[in-house]
Amino acid sequence: MVIGVVLAIVAFVLAKISRGLPLGEAATPKSVEAMREAVMSHPNVKGVIDLLTIHMAPKQILVNAHVNLDDKLTAAEIVQTVAEIEQKLKQAEPKVDMIFLEAASVTDSTPAEANPKHTG
């Protein structure tokens, strides 16, 4: 009987704690801005079209970014740039674990494409 009560109390405490976890939520606006600045600080990046984030675990953030790169880059330079951007993202926000980058050239973007804000 005592074991059942202890287990019920532990289950209640764990449920209360897990409801407060940011699973499925976006990163904080401060973190998103730090990540955006990290991406924009790379010399081959001409703009960030979209930057979306989601918490996969309390200390694990997935980042999905659509980035405009310089039109003059070769394939090898694009690969190097993507690797450097990933490093910059992880330095800006240590919780970043998974990164999906979509690269586009500046000429592929239309002026009507706004730089959307991350809304959550």
PDB file of N, CA and C in Angstrom:
ATOM      1  N   MET A   1       0.810  -1.185   0.000  1.00  0.00           N
ATOM      2  CA  MET A   1       0.000   0.000   0.000  1.00  0.00           C
ATOM      3  C   MET A   1       0.865   1.266   0.000  1.00  0.00           C
ATOM      4  N   VAL A   2       1.882   1.264   0.843  1.00  0.00           N
ATOM      5  CA  VAL A   2       2.792   2.406   0.928  1.00  0.00           C
ATOM      6  C   VAL A   2       3.515   2.600  -0.403  1.00  0.00           C
ATOM      7  N   ILE A   3       3.934   1.506  -1.025  1.00  0.00           N
ATOM      8  CA  ILE A   3       4.618   1.590  -2.321  1.00  0.00           C
ATOM      9  C   ILE A   3       3.700   2.224  -3.363  1.00  0.00           C
ATOM     10  N   GLY A   4       2.432   1.872  -3.365  1.00  0.00           N
ATOM     11  CA  GLY A   4       1.464   2.442  -4.300  1.00  0.00           C
ATOM     12  C   GLY A   4       1.309   3.936  -4.099  1.00  0.00           C
ATOM     13  N   VAL A   5       1.272   4.383  -2.847  1.00  0.00           N
ATOM     14  CA  VAL A   5       1.151   5.818  -2.549  1.00  0.00           C
ATOM     15  C   VAL A   5       2.408   6.551  -3.008  1.00  0.00           C
ATOM     16  N   VAL A   6       3.571   5.985  -2.746  1.00  0.00           N
ATOM     17  CA  VAL A   6       4.835   6.604  -3.169  1.00  0.00           C
ATOM     18  C   VAL A   6       4.880   6.712  -4.692  1.00  0.00           C
ATOM     19  N   LEU A   7       4.499   5.649  -5.375  1.00  0.00           N
ATOM     20  CA  LEU A   7       4.495   5.678  -6.834  1.00  0.00           C
ATOM     21  C   LEU A   7       3.508   6.714  -7.379  1.00  0.00           C
ATOM     22  N   ALA A   8       2.356   6.844  -6.751  1.00  0.00           N
ATOM     23  CA  ALA A   8       1.368   7.835  -7.177  1.00  0.00           C
ATOM     24  C   ALA A   8       1.904   9.249  -6.988  1.00  0.00           C
ATOM     25  N   ILE A   9       2.574   9.497  -5.877  1.00  0.00           N
ATOM     26  CA  ILE A   9       3.157  10.820  -5.620  1.00  0.00           C
ATOM     27  C   ILE A   9       4.247  11.123  -6.648  1.00  0.00           C
ATOM     28  N   VAL A  10       5.106  10.157  -6.915  1.00  0.00           N
ATOM     29  CA  VAL A  10       6.175  10.344  -7.906  1.00  0.00           C
ATOM     30  C   VAL A  10       5.579  10.611  -9.289  1.00  0.00           C
ATOM     31  N   ALA A  11       4.550   9.868  -9.653  1.00  0.00           N
ATOM     32  CA  ALA A  11       3.898  10.068 -10.953  1.00  0.00           C
ATOM     33  C   ALA A  11       3.293  11.462 -11.043  1.00  0.00           C
ATOM     34  N   PHE A  12       2.662  11.925  -9.985  1.00  0.00           N
ATOM     35  CA  PHE A  12       2.076  13.260  -9.966  1.00  0.00           C
ATOM     36  C   PHE A  12       3.151  14.334 -10.123  1.00  0.00           C
ATOM     37  N   VAL A  13       4.244  14.201  -9.403  1.00  0.00           N
ATOM     38  CA  VAL A  13       5.341  15.172  -9.477  1.00  0.00           C
ATOM     39  C   VAL A  13       5.948  15.187 -10.878  1.00  0.00           C
ATOM     40  N   LEU A  14       6.192  14.021 -11.450  1.00  0.00           N
ATOM     41  CA  LEU A  14       6.761  13.951 -12.797  1.00  0.00           C
ATOM     42  C   LEU A  14       5.816  14.544 -13.846  1.00  0.00           C
ATOM     43  N   ALA A  15       4.530  14.309 -13.707  1.00  0.00           N
ATOM     44  CA  ALA A  15       3.558  14.883 -14.645  1.00  0.00           C
ATOM     45  C   ALA A  15       3.544  16.394 -14.545  1.00  0.00           C
ATOM     46  N   LYS A  16       3.623  16.914 -13.340  1.00  0.00           N
ATOM     47  CA  LYS A  16       3.627  18.366 -13.143  1.00  0.00           C
ATOM     48  C   LYS A  16       4.888  18.986 -13.746  1.00  0.00           C
ATOM     49  N   ILE A  17       6.017  18.346 -13.560  1.00  0.00           N
ATOM     50  CA  ILE A  17       7.285  18.851 -14.111  1.00  0.00           C
ATOM     51  C   ILE A  17       7.266  18.805 -15.629  1.00  0.00           C
ATOM     52  N   SER A  18       6.805  17.719 -16.205  1.00  0.00           N
ATOM     53  CA  SER A  18       6.847  17.555 -17.665  1.00  0.00           C
ATOM     54  C   SER A  18       5.899  18.513 -18.385  1.00  0.00           C
ATOM     55  N   ARG A  19       4.824  18.959 -17.719  1.00  0.00           N
ATOM     56  CA  ARG A  19       3.930  19.926 -18.355  1.00  0.00           C
ATOM     57  C   ARG A  19       4.617  21.268 -18.535  1.00  0.00           C
ATOM     58  N   GLY A  20       5.602  21.559 -17.718  1.00  0.00           N
ATOM     59  CA  GLY A  20       6.318  22.827 -17.815  1.00  0.00           C
ATOM     60  C   GLY A  20       7.441  22.815 -18.832  1.00  0.00           C
ATOM     61  N   LEU A  21       7.726  21.663 -19.415  1.00  0.00           N
ATOM     62  CA  LEU A  21       8.801  21.589 -20.393  1.00  0.00           C
ATOM     63  C   LEU A  21       8.380  22.230 -21.709  1.00  0.00           C
ATOM     64  N   PRO A  22       9.316  22.826 -22.422  1.00  0.00           N
ATOM     65  CA  PRO A  22       8.973  23.549 -23.650  1.00  0.00           C
ATOM     66  C   PRO A  22       8.864  22.659 -24.891  1.00  0.00           C
ATOM     67  N   LEU A  23       8.480  21.418 -24.756  1.00  0.00           N
ATOM     68  CA  LEU A  23       8.406  20.516 -25.894  1.00  0.00           C
ATOM     69  C   LEU A  23       7.402  21.041 -26.917  1.00  0.00           C
ATOM     70  N   GLY A  24       7.841  21.107 -28.157  1.00  0.00           N
ATOM     71  CA  GLY A  24       6.967  21.559 -29.227  1.00  0.00           C
ATOM     72  C   GLY A  24       6.857  23.065 -29.331  1.00  0.00           C
ATOM     73  N   GLU A  25       7.446  23.793 -28.425  1.00  0.00           N
ATOM     74  CA  GLU A  25       7.398  25.247 -28.454  1.00  0.00           C
ATOM     75  C   GLU A  25       8.597  25.797 -29.220  1.00  0.00           C
ATOM     76  N   ALA A  26       8.456  27.020 -29.686  1.00  0.00           N
ATOM     77  CA  ALA A  26       9.561  27.694 -30.359  1.00  0.00           C
ATOM     78  C   ALA A  26      10.598  28.121 -29.324  1.00  0.00           C
ATOM     79  N   ALA A  27      11.805  28.370 -29.806  1.00  0.00           N
ATOM     80  CA  ALA A  27      12.833  28.925 -28.934  1.00  0.00           C
ATOM     81  C   ALA A  27      12.417  30.341 -28.539  1.00  0.00           C
ATOM     82  N   THR A  28      13.025  30.860 -27.519  1.00  0.00           N
ATOM     83  CA  THR A  28      12.687  32.212 -27.068  1.00  0.00           C
ATOM     84  C   THR A  28      13.053  33.225 -28.146  1.00  0.00           C
ATOM     85  N   PRO A  29      12.356  34.356 -28.184  1.00  0.00           N
ATOM     86  CA  PRO A  29      12.690  35.387 -29.179  1.00  0.00           C
ATOM     87  C   PRO A  29      14.158  35.823 -29.100  1.00  0.00           C
ATOM     88  N   LYS A  30      14.711  35.862 -27.894  1.00  0.00           N
ATOM     89  CA  LYS A  30      16.122  36.230 -27.722  1.00  0.00           C
ATOM     90  C   LYS A  30      17.033  35.208 -28.409  1.00  0.00           C
ATOM     91  N   SER A  31      16.730  33.922 -28.245  1.00  0.00           N
ATOM     92  CA  SER A  31      17.525  32.871 -28.881  1.00  0.00           C
ATOM     93  C   SER A  31      17.387  32.908 -30.395  1.00  0.00           C
ATOM     94  N   VAL A  32      16.157  33.127 -30.873  1.00  0.00           N
ATOM     95  CA  VAL A  32      15.928  33.186 -32.321  1.00  0.00           C
ATOM     96  C   VAL A  32      16.699  34.357 -32.919  1.00  0.00           C
ATOM     97  N   GLU A  33      16.683  35.500 -32.251  1.00  0.00           N
ATOM     98  CA  GLU A  33      17.413  36.667 -32.755  1.00  0.00           C
ATOM     99  C   GLU A  33      18.917  36.407 -32.746  1.00  0.00           C
ATOM    100  N   ALA A  34      19.420  35.741 -31.713  1.00  0.00           N
ATOM    101  CA  ALA A  34      20.849  35.409 -31.648  1.00  0.00           C
ATOM    102  C   ALA A  34      21.225  34.470 -32.792  1.00  0.00           C
ATOM    103  N   MET A  35      20.341  33.510 -33.093  1.00  0.00           N
ATOM    104  CA  MET A  35      20.609  32.592 -34.203  1.00  0.00           C
ATOM    105  C   MET A  35      20.570  33.326 -35.542  1.00  0.00           C
ATOM    106  N   ARG A  36      19.592  34.230 -35.705  1.00  0.00           N
ATOM    107  CA  ARG A  36      19.492  35.002 -36.945  1.00  0.00           C
ATOM    108  C   ARG A  36      20.766  35.844 -37.148  1.00  0.00           C
ATOM    109  N   GLU A  37      21.226  36.483 -36.091  1.00  0.00           N
ATOM    110  CA  GLU A  37      22.437  37.299 -36.168  1.00  0.00           C
ATOM    111  C   GLU A  37      23.660  36.432 -36.478  1.00  0.00           C
ATOM    112  N   ALA A  38      23.707  35.238 -35.915  1.00  0.00           N
ATOM    113  CA  ALA A  38      24.827  34.333 -36.188  1.00  0.00           C
ATOM    114  C   ALA A  38      24.865  33.947 -37.665  1.00  0.00           C
ATOM    115  N   VAL A  39      23.705  33.653 -38.240  1.00  0.00           N
ATOM    116  CA  VAL A  39      23.647  33.295 -39.657  1.00  0.00           C
ATOM    117  C   VAL A  39      24.032  34.493 -40.511  1.00  0.00           C
ATOM    118  N   MET A  40      23.477  35.666 -40.193  1.00  0.00           N
ATOM    119  CA  MET A  40      23.747  36.869 -40.988  1.00  0.00           C
ATOM    120  C   MET A  40      25.199  37.332 -40.879  1.00  0.00           C
ATOM    121  N   SER A  41      25.908  36.913 -39.832  1.00  0.00           N
ATOM    122  CA  SER A  41      27.293  37.339 -39.659  1.00  0.00           C
ATOM    123  C   SER A  41      28.244  36.660 -40.636  1.00  0.00           C
ATOM    124  N   HIS A  42      27.791  35.612 -41.299  1.00  0.00           N
ATOM    125  CA  HIS A  42      28.645  34.925 -42.271  1.00  0.00           C
ATOM    126  C   HIS A  42      28.743  35.776 -43.529  1.00  0.00           C
ATOM    127  N   PRO A  43      29.951  35.963 -44.069  1.00  0.00           N
ATOM    128  CA  PRO A  43      30.113  36.840 -45.234  1.00  0.00           C
ATOM    129  C   PRO A  43      29.407  36.350 -46.502  1.00  0.00           C
ATOM    130  N   ASN A  44      29.145  35.067 -46.625  1.00  0.00           N
ATOM    131  CA  ASN A  44      28.479  34.546 -47.825  1.00  0.00           C
ATOM    132  C   ASN A  44      26.955  34.589 -47.743  1.00  0.00           C
ATOM    133  N   VAL A  45      26.424  34.979 -46.590  1.00  0.00           N
ATOM    134  CA  VAL A  45      24.968  35.049 -46.413  1.00  0.00           C
ATOM    135  C   VAL A  45      24.495  36.455 -46.751  1.00  0.00           C
ATOM    136  N   LYS A  46      23.524  36.526 -47.643  1.00  0.00           N
ATOM    137  CA  LYS A  46      22.966  37.813 -48.056  1.00  0.00           C
ATOM    138  C   LYS A  46      21.620  38.098 -47.396  1.00  0.00           C
ATOM    139  N   GLY A  47      21.008  37.079 -46.808  1.00  0.00           N
ATOM    140  CA  GLY A  47      19.743  37.295 -46.123  1.00  0.00           C
ATOM    141  C   GLY A  47      19.191  36.007 -45.548  1.00  0.00           C
ATOM    142  N   VAL A  48      18.329  36.153 -44.562  1.00  0.00           N
ATOM    143  CA  VAL A  48      17.634  35.016 -43.972  1.00  0.00           C
ATOM    144  C   VAL A  48      16.157  35.173 -44.329  1.00  0.00           C
ATOM    145  N   ILE A  49      15.661  34.269 -45.145  1.00  0.00           N
ATOM    146  CA  ILE A  49      14.264  34.337 -45.557  1.00  0.00           C
ATOM    147  C   ILE A  49      13.363  33.845 -44.449  1.00  0.00           C
ATOM    148  N   ASP A  50      13.746  32.751 -43.817  1.00  0.00           N
ATOM    149  CA  ASP A  50      12.911  32.156 -42.785  1.00  0.00           C
ATOM    150  C   ASP A  50      13.802  31.451 -41.774  1.00  0.00           C
ATOM    151  N   LEU A  51      13.444  31.550 -40.510  1.00  0.00           N
ATOM    152  CA  LEU A  51      14.172  30.873 -39.439  1.00  0.00           C
ATOM    153  C   LEU A  51      13.143  30.365 -38.435  1.00  0.00           C
ATOM    154  N   LEU A  52      12.933  29.066 -38.452  1.00  0.00           N
ATOM    155  CA  LEU A  52      11.952  28.436 -37.575  1.00  0.00           C
ATOM    156  C   LEU A  52      12.659  27.541 -36.573  1.00  0.00           C
ATOM    157  N   THR A  53      12.137  27.506 -35.354  1.00  0.00           N
ATOM    158  CA  THR A  53      12.732  26.675 -34.313  1.00  0.00           C
ATOM    159  C   THR A  53      11.637  25.908 -33.582  1.00  0.00           C
ATOM    160  N   ILE A  54      12.028  24.771 -33.017  1.00  0.00           N
ATOM    161  CA  ILE A  54      11.106  23.989 -32.187  1.00  0.00           C
ATOM    162  C   ILE A  54      11.933  23.194 -31.174  1.00  0.00           C
ATOM    163  N   HIS A  55      11.430  23.165 -29.937  1.00  0.00           N
ATOM    164  CA  HIS A  55      12.073  22.358 -28.900  1.00  0.00           C
ATOM    165  C   HIS A  55      11.665  20.907 -29.100  1.00  0.00           C
ATOM    166  N   MET A  56      12.636  20.043 -29.301  1.00  0.00           N
ATOM    167  CA  MET A  56      12.385  18.612 -29.409  1.00  0.00           C
ATOM    168  C   MET A  56      12.508  17.946 -28.038  1.00  0.00           C
ATOM    169  N   ALA A  57      13.253  18.570 -27.162  1.00  0.00           N
ATOM    170  CA  ALA A  57      13.447  18.146 -25.777  1.00  0.00           C
ATOM    171  C   ALA A  57      13.836  19.406 -25.008  1.00  0.00           C
ATOM    172  N   PRO A  58      13.878  19.349 -23.689  1.00  0.00           N
ATOM    173  CA  PRO A  58      14.197  20.565 -22.935  1.00  0.00           C
ATOM    174  C   PRO A  58      15.523  21.218 -23.342  1.00  0.00           C
ATOM    175  N   LYS A  59      16.495  20.417 -23.720  1.00  0.00           N
ATOM    176  CA  LYS A  59      17.797  20.968 -24.106  1.00  0.00           C
ATOM    177  C   LYS A  59      18.162  20.591 -25.533  1.00  0.00           C
ATOM    178  N   GLN A  60      17.168  20.515 -26.390  1.00  0.00           N
ATOM    179  CA  GLN A  60      17.398  20.125 -27.791  1.00  0.00           C
ATOM    180  C   GLN A  60      16.470  20.941 -28.687  1.00  0.00           C
ATOM    181  N   ILE A  61      17.073  21.790 -29.534  1.00  0.00           N
ATOM    182  CA  ILE A  61      16.306  22.647 -30.435  1.00  0.00           C
ATOM    183  C   ILE A  61      16.589  22.250 -31.869  1.00  0.00           C
ATOM    184  N   LEU A  62      15.528  22.144 -32.653  1.00  0.00           N
ATOM    185  CA  LEU A  62      15.638  21.913 -34.089  1.00  0.00           C
ATOM    186  C   LEU A  62      15.506  23.266 -34.784  1.00  0.00           C
ATOM    187  N   VAL A  63      16.398  23.549 -35.732  1.00  0.00           N
ATOM    188  CA  VAL A  63      16.382  24.802 -36.478  1.00  0.00           C
ATOM    189  C   VAL A  63      16.174  24.489 -37.951  1.00  0.00           C
ATOM    190  N   ASN A  64      15.234  25.205 -38.558  1.00  0.00           N
ATOM    191  CA  ASN A  64      14.976  25.095 -39.990  1.00  0.00           C
ATOM    192  C   ASN A  64      15.141  26.499 -40.567  1.00  0.00           C
ATOM    193  N   ALA A  65      16.150  26.692 -41.416  1.00  0.00           N
ATOM    194  CA  ALA A  65      16.449  28.027 -41.937  1.00  0.00           C
ATOM    195  C   ALA A  65      16.516  28.022 -43.455  1.00  0.00           C
ATOM    196  N   HIS A  66      15.934  29.052 -44.056  1.00  0.00           N
ATOM    197  CA  HIS A  66      16.015  29.284 -45.500  1.00  0.00           C
ATOM    198  C   HIS A  66      16.884  30.523 -45.659  1.00  0.00           C
ATOM    199  N   VAL A  67      18.059  30.331 -46.280  1.00  0.00           N
ATOM    200  CA  VAL A  67      19.090  31.353 -46.299  1.00  0.00           C
ATOM    201  C   VAL A  67      19.472  31.710 -47.736  1.00  0.00           C
ATOM    202  N   ASN A  68      19.575  33.009 -48.020  1.00  0.00           N
ATOM    203  CA  ASN A  68      20.075  33.474 -49.312  1.00  0.00           C
ATOM    204  C   ASN A  68      21.590  33.536 -49.264  1.00  0.00           C
ATOM    205  N   LEU A  69      22.226  32.870 -50.226  1.00  0.00           N
ATOM    206  CA  LEU A  69      23.677  32.876 -50.311  1.00  0.00           C
ATOM    207  C   LEU A  69      24.127  33.679 -51.526  1.00  0.00           C
ATOM    208  N   ASP A  70      25.374  34.084 -51.492  1.00  0.00           N
ATOM    209  CA  ASP A  70      25.969  34.823 -52.603  1.00  0.00           C
ATOM    210  C   ASP A  70      25.873  33.994 -53.884  1.00  0.00           C
ATOM    211  N   ASP A  71      25.492  34.638 -54.991  1.00  0.00           N
ATOM    212  CA  ASP A  71      25.321  33.953 -56.274  1.00  0.00           C
ATOM    213  C   ASP A  71      26.626  33.391 -56.840  1.00  0.00           C
ATOM    214  N   LYS A  72      27.750  33.929 -56.428  1.00  0.00           N
ATOM    215  CA  LYS A  72      29.035  33.561 -57.033  1.00  0.00           C
ATOM    216  C   LYS A  72      29.691  32.339 -56.389  1.00  0.00           C
ATOM    217  N   LEU A  73      29.046  31.729 -55.430  1.00  0.00           N
ATOM    218  CA  LEU A  73      29.648  30.600 -54.720  1.00  0.00           C
ATOM    219  C   LEU A  73      29.657  29.337 -55.578  1.00  0.00           C
ATOM    220  N   THR A  74      30.734  28.583 -55.454  1.00  0.00           N
ATOM    221  CA  THR A  74      30.804  27.276 -56.101  1.00  0.00           C
ATOM    222  C   THR A  74      30.162  26.248 -55.177  1.00  0.00           C
ATOM    223  N   ALA A  75      29.982  25.042 -55.672  1.00  0.00           N
ATOM    224  CA  ALA A  75      29.377  23.981 -54.862  1.00  0.00           C
ATOM    225  C   ALA A  75      30.216  23.711 -53.607  1.00  0.00           C
ATOM    226  N   ALA A  76      31.522  23.675 -53.767  1.00  0.00           N
ATOM    227  CA  ALA A  76      32.400  23.420 -52.623  1.00  0.00           C
ATOM    228  C   ALA A  76      32.305  24.551 -51.602  1.00  0.00           C
ATOM    229  N   GLU A  77      32.188  25.779 -52.080  1.00  0.00           N
ATOM    230  CA  GLU A  77      32.067  26.918 -51.172  1.00  0.00           C
ATOM    231  C   GLU A  77      30.720  26.904 -50.448  1.00  0.00           C
ATOM    232  N   ILE A  78      29.676  26.433 -51.119  1.00  0.00           N
ATOM    233  CA  ILE A  78      28.364  26.329 -50.477  1.00  0.00           C
ATOM    234  C   ILE A  78      28.415  25.295 -49.351  1.00  0.00           C
ATOM    235  N   VAL A  79      29.045  24.158 -49.628  1.00  0.00           N
ATOM    236  CA  VAL A  79      29.176  23.118 -48.604  1.00  0.00           C
ATOM    237  C   VAL A  79      29.944  23.662 -47.404  1.00  0.00           C
ATOM    238  N   GLN A  80      31.032  24.375 -47.656  1.00  0.00           N
ATOM    239  CA  GLN A  80      31.835  24.964 -46.580  1.00  0.00           C
ATOM    240  C   GLN A  80      31.022  26.009 -45.813  1.00  0.00           C
ATOM    241  N   THR A  81      30.289  26.837 -46.537  1.00  0.00           N
ATOM    242  CA  THR A  81      29.465  27.874 -45.909  1.00  0.00           C
ATOM    243  C   THR A  81      28.408  27.261 -45.006  1.00  0.00           C
ATOM    244  N   VAL A  82      27.742  26.214 -45.473  1.00  0.00           N
ATOM    245  CA  VAL A  82      26.716  25.545 -44.667  1.00  0.00           C
ATOM    246  C   VAL A  82      27.326  24.988 -43.377  1.00  0.00           C
ATOM    247  N   ALA A  83      28.490  24.370 -43.480  1.00  0.00           N
ATOM    248  CA  ALA A  83      29.169  23.833 -42.291  1.00  0.00           C
ATOM    249  C   ALA A  83      29.507  24.957 -41.304  1.00  0.00           C
ATOM    250  N   GLU A  84      29.962  26.094 -41.834  1.00  0.00           N
ATOM    251  CA  GLU A  84      30.303  27.226 -40.971  1.00  0.00           C
ATOM    252  C   GLU A  84      29.053  27.832 -40.326  1.00  0.00           C
ATOM    253  N   ILE A  85      27.967  27.902 -41.077  1.00  0.00           N
ATOM    254  CA  ILE A  85      26.712  28.417 -40.520  1.00  0.00           C
ATOM    255  C   ILE A  85      26.231  27.516 -39.390  1.00  0.00           C
ATOM    256  N   GLU A  86      26.329  26.213 -39.586  1.00  0.00           N
ATOM    257  CA  GLU A  86      25.919  25.278 -38.536  1.00  0.00           C
ATOM    258  C   GLU A  86      26.728  25.504 -37.268  1.00  0.00           C
ATOM    259  N   GLN A  87      28.038  25.709 -37.409  1.00  0.00           N
ATOM    260  CA  GLN A  87      28.887  25.971 -36.241  1.00  0.00           C
ATOM    261  C   GLN A  87      28.477  27.266 -35.551  1.00  0.00           C
ATOM    262  N   LYS A  88      28.202  28.302 -36.337  1.00  0.00           N
ATOM    263  CA  LYS A  88      27.796  29.585 -35.768  1.00  0.00           C
ATOM    264  C   LYS A  88      26.464  29.459 -35.011  1.00  0.00           C
ATOM    265  N   LEU A  89      25.539  28.675 -35.564  1.00  0.00           N
ATOM    266  CA  LEU A  89      24.254  28.467 -34.886  1.00  0.00           C
ATOM    267  C   LEU A  89      24.452  27.772 -33.548  1.00  0.00           C
ATOM    268  N   LYS A  90      25.302  26.759 -33.522  1.00  0.00           N
ATOM    269  CA  LYS A  90      25.546  26.022 -32.279  1.00  0.00           C
ATOM    270  C   LYS A  90      26.281  26.875 -31.250  1.00  0.00           C
ATOM    271  N   GLN A  91      27.097  27.805 -31.711  1.00  0.00           N
ATOM    272  CA  GLN A  91      27.768  28.720 -30.783  1.00  0.00           C
ATOM    273  C   GLN A  91      26.784  29.754 -30.237  1.00  0.00           C
ATOM    274  N   ALA A  92      25.863  30.217 -31.092  1.00  0.00           N
ATOM    275  CA  ALA A  92      24.887  31.223 -30.661  1.00  0.00           C
ATOM    276  C   ALA A  92      23.888  30.643 -29.671  1.00  0.00           C
ATOM    277  N   GLU A  93      23.510  29.383 -29.871  1.00  0.00           N
ATOM    278  CA  GLU A  93      22.542  28.719 -28.982  1.00  0.00           C
ATOM    279  C   GLU A  93      22.999  27.279 -28.771  1.00  0.00           C
ATOM    280  N   PRO A  94      23.612  26.989 -27.624  1.00  0.00           N
ATOM    281  CA  PRO A  94      24.145  25.648 -27.361  1.00  0.00           C
ATOM    282  C   PRO A  94      23.109  24.522 -27.407  1.00  0.00           C
ATOM    283  N   LYS A  95      21.821  24.855 -27.250  1.00  0.00           N
ATOM    284  CA  LYS A  95      20.788  23.826 -27.279  1.00  0.00           C
ATOM    285  C   LYS A  95      20.467  23.350 -28.695  1.00  0.00           C
ATOM    286  N   VAL A  96      20.999  24.031 -29.707  1.00  0.00           N
ATOM    287  CA  VAL A  96      20.729  23.626 -31.092  1.00  0.00           C
ATOM    288  C   VAL A  96      21.370  22.264 -31.331  1.00  0.00           C
ATOM    289  N   ASP A  97      20.537  21.317 -31.755  1.00  0.00           N
ATOM    290  CA  ASP A  97      21.006  19.953 -31.968  1.00  0.00           C
ATOM    291  C   ASP A  97      20.849  19.531 -33.424  1.00  0.00           C
ATOM    292  N   MET A  98      19.725  19.874 -34.014  1.00  0.00           N
ATOM    293  CA  MET A  98      19.457  19.502 -35.405  1.00  0.00           C
ATOM    294  C   MET A  98      19.253  20.760 -36.230  1.00  0.00           C
ATOM    295  N   ILE A  99      19.887  20.794 -37.410  1.00  0.00           N
ATOM    296  CA  ILE A  99      19.800  21.970 -38.264  1.00  0.00           C
ATOM    297  C   ILE A  99      19.456  21.533 -39.683  1.00  0.00           C
ATOM    298  N   PHE A 100      18.441  22.171 -40.244  1.00  0.00           N
ATOM    299  CA  PHE A 100      18.073  21.964 -41.640  1.00  0.00           C
ATOM    300  C   PHE A 100      18.206  23.306 -42.338  1.00  0.00           C
ATOM    301  N   LEU A 101      19.150  23.394 -43.277  1.00  0.00           N
ATOM    302  CA  LEU A 101      19.373  24.633 -44.020  1.00  0.00           C
ATOM    303  C   LEU A 101      18.934  24.459 -45.456  1.00  0.00           C
ATOM    304  N   GLU A 102      18.164  25.402 -45.942  1.00  0.00           N
ATOM    305  CA  GLU A 102      17.810  25.448 -47.356  1.00  0.00           C
ATOM    306  C   GLU A 102      18.510  26.663 -47.931  1.00  0.00           C
ATOM    307  N   ALA A 103      19.393  26.433 -48.872  1.00  0.00           N
ATOM    308  CA  ALA A 103      20.162  27.524 -49.466  1.00  0.00           C
ATOM    309  C   ALA A 103      19.507  27.990 -50.754  1.00  0.00           C
ATOM    310  N   ALA A 104      19.487  29.291 -50.942  1.00  0.00           N
ATOM    311  CA  ALA A 104      18.963  29.879 -52.171  1.00  0.00           C
ATOM    312  C   ALA A 104      19.913  30.978 -52.603  1.00  0.00           C
ATOM    313  N   SER A 105      19.943  31.237 -53.900  1.00  0.00           N
ATOM    314  CA  SER A 105      20.760  32.349 -54.377  1.00  0.00           C
ATOM    315  C   SER A 105      19.942  33.623 -54.258  1.00  0.00           C
ATOM    316  N   VAL A 106      20.622  34.747 -54.242  1.00  0.00           N
ATOM    317  CA  VAL A 106      19.946  36.032 -54.100  1.00  0.00           C
ATOM    318  C   VAL A 106      18.986  36.257 -55.256  1.00  0.00           C
ATOM    319  N   THR A 107      19.363  35.828 -56.455  1.00  0.00           N
ATOM    320  CA  THR A 107      18.507  36.055 -57.620  1.00  0.00           C
ATOM    321  C   THR A 107      17.259  35.174 -57.601  1.00  0.00           C
ATOM    322  N   ASP A 108      17.254  34.121 -56.796  1.00  0.00           N
ATOM    323  CA  ASP A 108      16.070  33.260 -56.687  1.00  0.00           C
ATOM    324  C   ASP A 108      14.961  33.889 -55.853  1.00  0.00           C
ATOM    325  N   SER A 109      15.297  34.895 -55.076  1.00  0.00           N
ATOM    326  CA  SER A 109      14.315  35.518 -54.190  1.00  0.00           C
ATOM    327  C   SER A 109      13.652  36.689 -54.892  1.00  0.00           C
ATOM    328  N   THR A 110      12.382  36.809 -54.675  1.00  0.00           N
ATOM    329  CA  THR A 110      11.651  37.935 -55.243  1.00  0.00           C
ATOM    330  C   THR A 110      11.541  39.031 -54.190  1.00  0.00           C
ATOM    331  N   PRO A 111      11.417  40.285 -54.608  1.00  0.00           N
ATOM    332  CA  PRO A 111      11.292  41.372 -53.635  1.00  0.00           C
ATOM    333  C   PRO A 111      10.050  41.236 -52.759  1.00  0.00           C
ATOM    334  N   ALA A 112       9.045  40.522 -53.249  1.00  0.00           N
ATOM    335  CA  ALA A 112       7.810  40.363 -52.478  1.00  0.00           C
ATOM    336  C   ALA A 112       7.999  39.437 -51.284  1.00  0.00           C
ATOM    337  N   GLU A 113       9.086  38.662 -51.277  1.00  0.00           N
ATOM    338  CA  GLU A 113       9.331  37.762 -50.153  1.00  0.00           C
ATOM    339  C   GLU A 113       9.757  38.579 -48.948  1.00  0.00           C
ATOM    340  N   ALA A 114       8.909  38.621 -47.978  1.00  0.00           N
ATOM    341  CA  ALA A 114       9.238  39.358 -46.752  1.00  0.00           C
ATOM    342  C   ALA A 114      10.134  38.513 -45.874  1.00  0.00           C
ATOM    343  N   ASN A 115      10.810  39.141 -44.992  1.00  0.00           N
ATOM    344  CA  ASN A 115      11.622  38.427 -44.014  1.00  0.00           C
ATOM    345  C   ASN A 115      10.718  38.148 -42.822  1.00  0.00           C
ATOM    346  N   PRO A 116      10.031  37.001 -42.808  1.00  0.00           N
ATOM    347  CA  PRO A 116       9.004  36.770 -41.785  1.00  0.00           C
ATOM    348  C   PRO A 116       9.582  36.679 -40.390  1.00  0.00           C
ATOM    349  N   LYS A 117       8.798  37.109 -39.442  1.00  0.00           N
ATOM    350  CA  LYS A 117       9.169  36.987 -38.034  1.00  0.00           C
ATOM    351  C   LYS A 117       8.718  35.632 -37.537  1.00  0.00           C
ATOM    352  N   HIS A 118       9.464  35.084 -36.623  1.00  0.00           N
ATOM    353  CA  HIS A 118       9.105  33.807 -36.022  1.00  0.00           C
ATOM    354  C   HIS A 118       7.966  34.067 -35.045  1.00  0.00           C
ATOM    355  N   THR A 119       6.837  33.422 -35.284  1.00  0.00           N
ATOM    356  CA  THR A 119       5.669  33.690 -34.446  1.00  0.00           C
ATOM    357  C   THR A 119       5.391  32.607 -33.421  1.00  0.00           C
ATOM    358  N   GLY A 120       6.124  31.547 -33.435  1.00  0.00           N
ATOM    359  CA  GLY A 120       5.863  30.535 -32.426  1.00  0.00           C
ATOM    360  C   GLY A 120       5.607  29.266 -33.028  1.00  0.00           C
TER     361      GLY A 120
END
